[in-house]
Amino acid sequence: MSVSASSNGTGNDTGNDTVGADIVAKLAQLPSGEHATILALHAEAALERRLLALGLRPGQAICLLRRGLMNGPLHIRVGTTELMLRRQEAQHIDIRPNRRPNPIRGTGA
């Protein structure tokens, strides 16, 4: 089962593990401290219901706060809620990383 914000028919398997502003990636690939928008959930029905119940819905903004050691869980913020999510579950969540200005450098230019 799959839930997505919108479908453009282009697919999302680019074969590229680099996370950039215009690239669809998996939540498990997002660097710590970065923000993203959830595009779609691709999981079996039970896991999908659990992720939706936790607030992980297409269109929702998220932040990866930190990564657990030795492939441990991911600490994420969804709205005002903070969650720990297994990396294997994060592999079922498609995201689009958000480009944010660097607060030290201003606009990043």
N, C-alpha and C. Protein backbone atom coordinates (compact mmCIF):
# COMPACT_ATOMS: atom_id res chain seq x y z
N MET A 1 0.84 -1.16 0.00
CA MET A 1 0.00 0.00 0.00
C MET A 1 0.89 1.23 0.00
N SER A 2 0.42 2.32 -0.61
CA SER A 2 1.23 3.52 -0.73
C SER A 2 0.36 4.75 -0.60
N VAL A 3 0.83 5.73 0.16
CA VAL A 3 0.16 7.01 0.29
C VAL A 3 1.12 8.07 -0.17
N SER A 4 0.66 8.98 -1.06
CA SER A 4 1.55 10.03 -1.52
C SER A 4 0.81 11.35 -1.61
N ALA A 5 1.57 12.45 -1.57
CA ALA A 5 0.99 13.78 -1.64
C ALA A 5 0.49 14.05 -3.05
N SER A 6 1.27 13.67 -4.04
CA SER A 6 0.87 13.82 -5.43
C SER A 6 1.74 12.90 -6.26
N SER A 7 1.24 12.53 -7.40
CA SER A 7 2.00 11.64 -8.27
C SER A 7 2.24 12.34 -9.59
N ASN A 8 3.50 12.40 -10.01
CA ASN A 8 3.81 13.03 -11.29
C ASN A 8 4.16 12.02 -12.36
N GLY A 9 4.14 10.73 -12.01
CA GLY A 9 4.37 9.68 -12.96
C GLY A 9 5.81 9.50 -13.36
N THR A 10 6.73 10.23 -12.75
CA THR A 10 8.13 10.11 -13.12
C THR A 10 8.85 9.05 -12.32
N GLY A 11 8.25 8.58 -11.23
CA GLY A 11 8.93 7.61 -10.38
C GLY A 11 9.91 8.31 -9.49
N ASN A 12 10.49 7.56 -8.56
CA ASN A 12 11.41 8.19 -7.64
C ASN A 12 12.70 7.40 -7.47
N ASP A 13 12.91 6.40 -8.27
CA ASP A 13 14.12 5.61 -8.16
C ASP A 13 15.16 6.16 -9.12
N THR A 14 15.97 7.09 -8.63
CA THR A 14 16.97 7.72 -9.48
C THR A 14 18.28 6.97 -9.47
N GLY A 15 18.44 6.04 -8.50
CA GLY A 15 19.69 5.33 -8.39
C GLY A 15 20.78 6.19 -7.79
N ASN A 16 20.43 7.35 -7.27
CA ASN A 16 21.39 8.30 -6.72
C ASN A 16 21.14 8.43 -5.23
N ASP A 17 22.17 8.20 -4.41
CA ASP A 17 22.01 8.28 -2.96
C ASP A 17 22.26 9.68 -2.42
N THR A 18 22.61 10.62 -3.28
CA THR A 18 22.87 11.98 -2.84
C THR A 18 21.55 12.68 -2.54
N VAL A 19 21.50 13.36 -1.40
CA VAL A 19 20.29 14.07 -1.01
C VAL A 19 20.46 15.54 -1.38
N GLY A 20 19.57 16.06 -2.22
CA GLY A 20 19.61 17.46 -2.63
C GLY A 20 18.21 18.04 -2.61
N ALA A 21 18.09 19.32 -2.91
CA ALA A 21 16.81 20.02 -2.78
C ALA A 21 15.77 19.50 -3.77
N ASP A 22 16.18 19.04 -4.95
CA ASP A 22 15.22 18.60 -5.96
C ASP A 22 15.16 17.09 -6.10
N ILE A 23 15.80 16.37 -5.22
CA ILE A 23 15.88 14.92 -5.34
C ILE A 23 14.94 14.27 -4.33
N VAL A 24 14.18 13.29 -4.80
CA VAL A 24 13.36 12.49 -3.91
C VAL A 24 14.27 11.47 -3.25
N ALA A 25 14.23 11.41 -1.94
CA ALA A 25 15.11 10.52 -1.19
C ALA A 25 14.30 9.79 -0.12
N LYS A 26 14.96 8.95 0.61
CA LYS A 26 14.37 8.25 1.75
C LYS A 26 14.72 9.00 3.02
N LEU A 27 13.84 8.98 3.99
CA LEU A 27 14.09 9.65 5.25
C LEU A 27 15.38 9.16 5.89
N ALA A 28 15.71 7.90 5.74
CA ALA A 28 16.92 7.34 6.34
C ALA A 28 18.19 7.97 5.77
N GLN A 29 18.13 8.64 4.62
CA GLN A 29 19.29 9.27 3.99
C GLN A 29 19.48 10.72 4.43
N LEU A 30 18.50 11.32 5.06
CA LEU A 30 18.57 12.74 5.42
C LEU A 30 19.65 12.98 6.47
N PRO A 31 20.51 13.97 6.26
CA PRO A 31 21.53 14.27 7.27
C PRO A 31 20.92 14.86 8.54
N SER A 32 21.59 14.68 9.65
CA SER A 32 21.14 15.23 10.93
C SER A 32 21.02 16.75 10.83
N GLY A 33 19.97 17.28 11.45
CA GLY A 33 19.75 18.73 11.47
C GLY A 33 19.05 19.28 10.24
N GLU A 34 18.80 18.44 9.25
CA GLU A 34 18.16 18.90 8.02
C GLU A 34 16.65 18.75 8.10
N HIS A 35 15.96 19.58 7.32
CA HIS A 35 14.50 19.58 7.25
C HIS A 35 14.07 19.01 5.90
N ALA A 36 12.87 18.43 5.88
CA ALA A 36 12.34 17.85 4.64
C ALA A 36 10.83 17.85 4.69
N THR A 37 10.22 17.54 3.56
CA THR A 37 8.78 17.38 3.45
C THR A 37 8.50 15.95 3.02
N ILE A 38 7.56 15.31 3.69
CA ILE A 38 7.20 13.94 3.33
C ILE A 38 6.42 13.95 2.03
N LEU A 39 6.84 13.12 1.09
CA LEU A 39 6.16 13.00 -0.19
C LEU A 39 5.24 11.80 -0.24
N ALA A 40 5.69 10.66 0.30
CA ALA A 40 4.89 9.43 0.20
C ALA A 40 5.35 8.41 1.23
N LEU A 41 4.43 7.51 1.56
CA LEU A 41 4.73 6.36 2.41
C LEU A 41 4.56 5.13 1.55
N HIS A 42 5.54 4.24 1.58
CA HIS A 42 5.48 2.99 0.82
C HIS A 42 5.72 1.84 1.79
N ALA A 43 4.66 1.37 2.41
CA ALA A 43 4.80 0.33 3.43
C ALA A 43 3.57 -0.56 3.40
N GLU A 44 3.70 -1.73 4.06
CA GLU A 44 2.53 -2.60 4.18
C GLU A 44 1.49 -1.89 5.05
N ALA A 45 0.27 -2.34 4.98
CA ALA A 45 -0.86 -1.64 5.60
C ALA A 45 -0.67 -1.36 7.09
N ALA A 46 -0.20 -2.32 7.86
CA ALA A 46 -0.06 -2.13 9.31
C ALA A 46 0.97 -1.06 9.63
N LEU A 47 2.13 -1.09 8.96
CA LEU A 47 3.15 -0.08 9.20
C LEU A 47 2.67 1.29 8.72
N GLU A 48 2.00 1.31 7.58
CA GLU A 48 1.49 2.58 7.06
C GLU A 48 0.50 3.22 8.04
N ARG A 49 -0.40 2.41 8.61
CA ARG A 49 -1.35 2.94 9.60
C ARG A 49 -0.62 3.50 10.81
N ARG A 50 0.43 2.82 11.25
CA ARG A 50 1.21 3.28 12.41
C ARG A 50 1.91 4.60 12.10
N LEU A 51 2.53 4.70 10.93
CA LEU A 51 3.21 5.93 10.56
C LEU A 51 2.23 7.10 10.45
N LEU A 52 1.07 6.84 9.86
CA LEU A 52 0.04 7.88 9.75
C LEU A 52 -0.44 8.31 11.13
N ALA A 53 -0.63 7.36 12.04
CA ALA A 53 -1.08 7.67 13.39
C ALA A 53 -0.04 8.50 14.15
N LEU A 54 1.24 8.33 13.82
CA LEU A 54 2.30 9.10 14.45
C LEU A 54 2.43 10.51 13.86
N GLY A 55 1.67 10.80 12.83
CA GLY A 55 1.70 12.13 12.21
C GLY A 55 2.57 12.22 10.98
N LEU A 56 3.10 11.09 10.53
CA LEU A 56 3.94 11.07 9.33
C LEU A 56 3.04 10.94 8.11
N ARG A 57 2.60 12.09 7.60
CA ARG A 57 1.66 12.14 6.48
C ARG A 57 2.29 12.92 5.32
N PRO A 58 1.94 12.55 4.10
CA PRO A 58 2.45 13.31 2.95
C PRO A 58 2.11 14.79 3.09
N GLY A 59 3.10 15.63 2.79
CA GLY A 59 2.94 17.08 2.89
C GLY A 59 3.42 17.63 4.23
N GLN A 60 3.65 16.77 5.21
CA GLN A 60 4.07 17.20 6.54
C GLN A 60 5.56 17.52 6.56
N ALA A 61 5.92 18.62 7.21
CA ALA A 61 7.33 19.00 7.36
C ALA A 61 7.93 18.22 8.53
N ILE A 62 9.17 17.76 8.34
CA ILE A 62 9.87 17.01 9.39
C ILE A 62 11.29 17.52 9.51
N CYS A 63 11.91 17.21 10.63
CA CYS A 63 13.32 17.53 10.86
C CYS A 63 13.99 16.31 11.47
N LEU A 64 15.13 15.93 10.92
CA LEU A 64 15.91 14.83 11.51
C LEU A 64 16.84 15.45 12.54
N LEU A 65 16.55 15.22 13.80
CA LEU A 65 17.32 15.84 14.88
C LEU A 65 18.66 15.17 15.09
N ARG A 66 18.68 13.84 15.13
CA ARG A 66 19.94 13.11 15.30
C ARG A 66 19.75 11.65 14.93
N ARG A 67 20.89 10.99 14.74
CA ARG A 67 20.92 9.58 14.36
C ARG A 67 21.52 8.78 15.51
N GLY A 68 20.90 7.63 15.81
CA GLY A 68 21.44 6.74 16.84
C GLY A 68 22.74 6.11 16.37
N LEU A 69 23.59 5.76 17.30
CA LEU A 69 24.87 5.13 16.97
C LEU A 69 24.66 3.73 16.40
N MET A 70 25.61 3.31 15.60
CA MET A 70 25.63 1.94 15.05
C MET A 70 24.30 1.54 14.41
N ASN A 71 23.84 2.38 13.48
CA ASN A 71 22.57 2.15 12.78
C ASN A 71 21.38 2.09 13.72
N GLY A 72 21.44 2.87 14.77
CA GLY A 72 20.33 2.96 15.72
C GLY A 72 19.19 3.79 15.15
N PRO A 73 18.21 4.09 15.98
CA PRO A 73 17.02 4.80 15.49
C PRO A 73 17.30 6.25 15.14
N LEU A 74 16.38 6.83 14.38
CA LEU A 74 16.44 8.23 14.01
C LEU A 74 15.52 9.02 14.93
N HIS A 75 16.00 10.15 15.42
CA HIS A 75 15.22 11.04 16.27
C HIS A 75 14.70 12.14 15.36
N ILE A 76 13.38 12.18 15.16
CA ILE A 76 12.80 13.15 14.23
C ILE A 76 11.76 14.01 14.94
N ARG A 77 11.52 15.19 14.35
CA ARG A 77 10.46 16.07 14.83
C ARG A 77 9.44 16.22 13.72
N VAL A 78 8.17 15.98 14.05
CA VAL A 78 7.06 16.16 13.13
C VAL A 78 6.12 17.14 13.81
N GLY A 79 6.06 18.36 13.30
CA GLY A 79 5.27 19.39 13.98
C GLY A 79 5.90 19.68 15.33
N THR A 80 5.12 19.49 16.40
CA THR A 80 5.64 19.70 17.76
C THR A 80 5.95 18.39 18.46
N THR A 81 5.85 17.28 17.74
CA THR A 81 6.07 15.96 18.31
C THR A 81 7.44 15.42 17.91
N GLU A 82 8.15 14.86 18.88
CA GLU A 82 9.42 14.21 18.59
C GLU A 82 9.26 12.70 18.70
N LEU A 83 9.82 11.98 17.72
CA LEU A 83 9.68 10.53 17.63
C LEU A 83 11.04 9.88 17.42
N MET A 84 11.14 8.63 17.83
CA MET A 84 12.27 7.78 17.46
C MET A 84 11.73 6.78 16.45
N LEU A 85 12.41 6.63 15.35
CA LEU A 85 11.95 5.77 14.27
C LEU A 85 13.09 4.85 13.83
N ARG A 86 12.80 3.57 13.68
CA ARG A 86 13.82 2.63 13.19
C ARG A 86 14.23 3.02 11.77
N ARG A 87 15.50 2.82 11.47
CA ARG A 87 15.98 3.16 10.12
C ARG A 87 15.26 2.33 9.05
N GLN A 88 14.97 1.08 9.35
CA GLN A 88 14.27 0.25 8.36
C GLN A 88 12.87 0.79 8.08
N GLU A 89 12.22 1.40 9.06
CA GLU A 89 10.92 2.04 8.83
C GLU A 89 11.09 3.34 8.05
N ALA A 90 12.16 4.06 8.32
CA ALA A 90 12.44 5.32 7.61
C ALA A 90 12.69 5.07 6.12
N GLN A 91 13.11 3.87 5.76
CA GLN A 91 13.32 3.53 4.34
C GLN A 91 12.01 3.51 3.56
N HIS A 92 10.88 3.46 4.23
CA HIS A 92 9.57 3.42 3.58
C HIS A 92 8.99 4.81 3.37
N ILE A 93 9.73 5.86 3.73
CA ILE A 93 9.21 7.22 3.67
C ILE A 93 10.01 8.02 2.65
N ASP A 94 9.34 8.45 1.58
CA ASP A 94 9.96 9.31 0.57
C ASP A 94 9.86 10.75 1.03
N ILE A 95 10.95 11.48 0.87
CA ILE A 95 10.98 12.89 1.29
C ILE A 95 11.57 13.76 0.19
N ARG A 96 11.36 15.06 0.32
CA ARG A 96 12.07 16.05 -0.49
C ARG A 96 12.75 16.98 0.49
N PRO A 97 14.08 16.95 0.54
CA PRO A 97 14.80 17.84 1.46
C PRO A 97 14.49 19.30 1.16
N ASN A 98 14.36 20.11 2.21
CA ASN A 98 14.07 21.54 2.07
C ASN A 98 15.38 22.31 2.09
N ARG A 99 15.50 23.22 1.20
CA ARG A 99 16.68 24.10 1.17
C ARG A 99 16.40 25.25 2.13
N ARG A 100 17.27 25.38 3.13
CA ARG A 100 17.12 26.46 4.11
C ARG A 100 18.34 27.34 4.06
N PRO A 101 18.17 28.63 4.30
CA PRO A 101 19.36 29.49 4.35
C PRO A 101 20.24 29.14 5.53
N ASN A 102 21.53 29.24 5.36
CA ASN A 102 22.48 28.99 6.42
C ASN A 102 22.47 30.20 7.36
N PRO A 103 22.11 30.01 8.67
CA PRO A 103 22.01 31.17 9.56
C PRO A 103 23.35 31.87 9.79
N ILE A 104 24.45 31.18 9.59
CA ILE A 104 25.77 31.80 9.79
C ILE A 104 26.16 32.62 8.55
N ARG A 105 25.84 32.10 7.39
CA ARG A 105 26.23 32.76 6.15
C ARG A 105 25.13 33.61 5.54
N GLY A 106 23.96 33.66 6.15
CA GLY A 106 22.85 34.43 5.58
C GLY A 106 22.05 33.60 4.63
N THR A 107 22.06 33.92 3.35
CA THR A 107 21.25 33.22 2.37
C THR A 107 21.95 32.03 1.77
N GLY A 108 23.18 31.77 2.12
CA GLY A 108 23.91 30.64 1.59
C GLY A 108 24.60 30.94 0.28
N ALA A 109 24.52 32.20 -0.18
CA ALA A 109 25.15 32.58 -1.44
C ALA A 109 26.59 32.95 -1.27
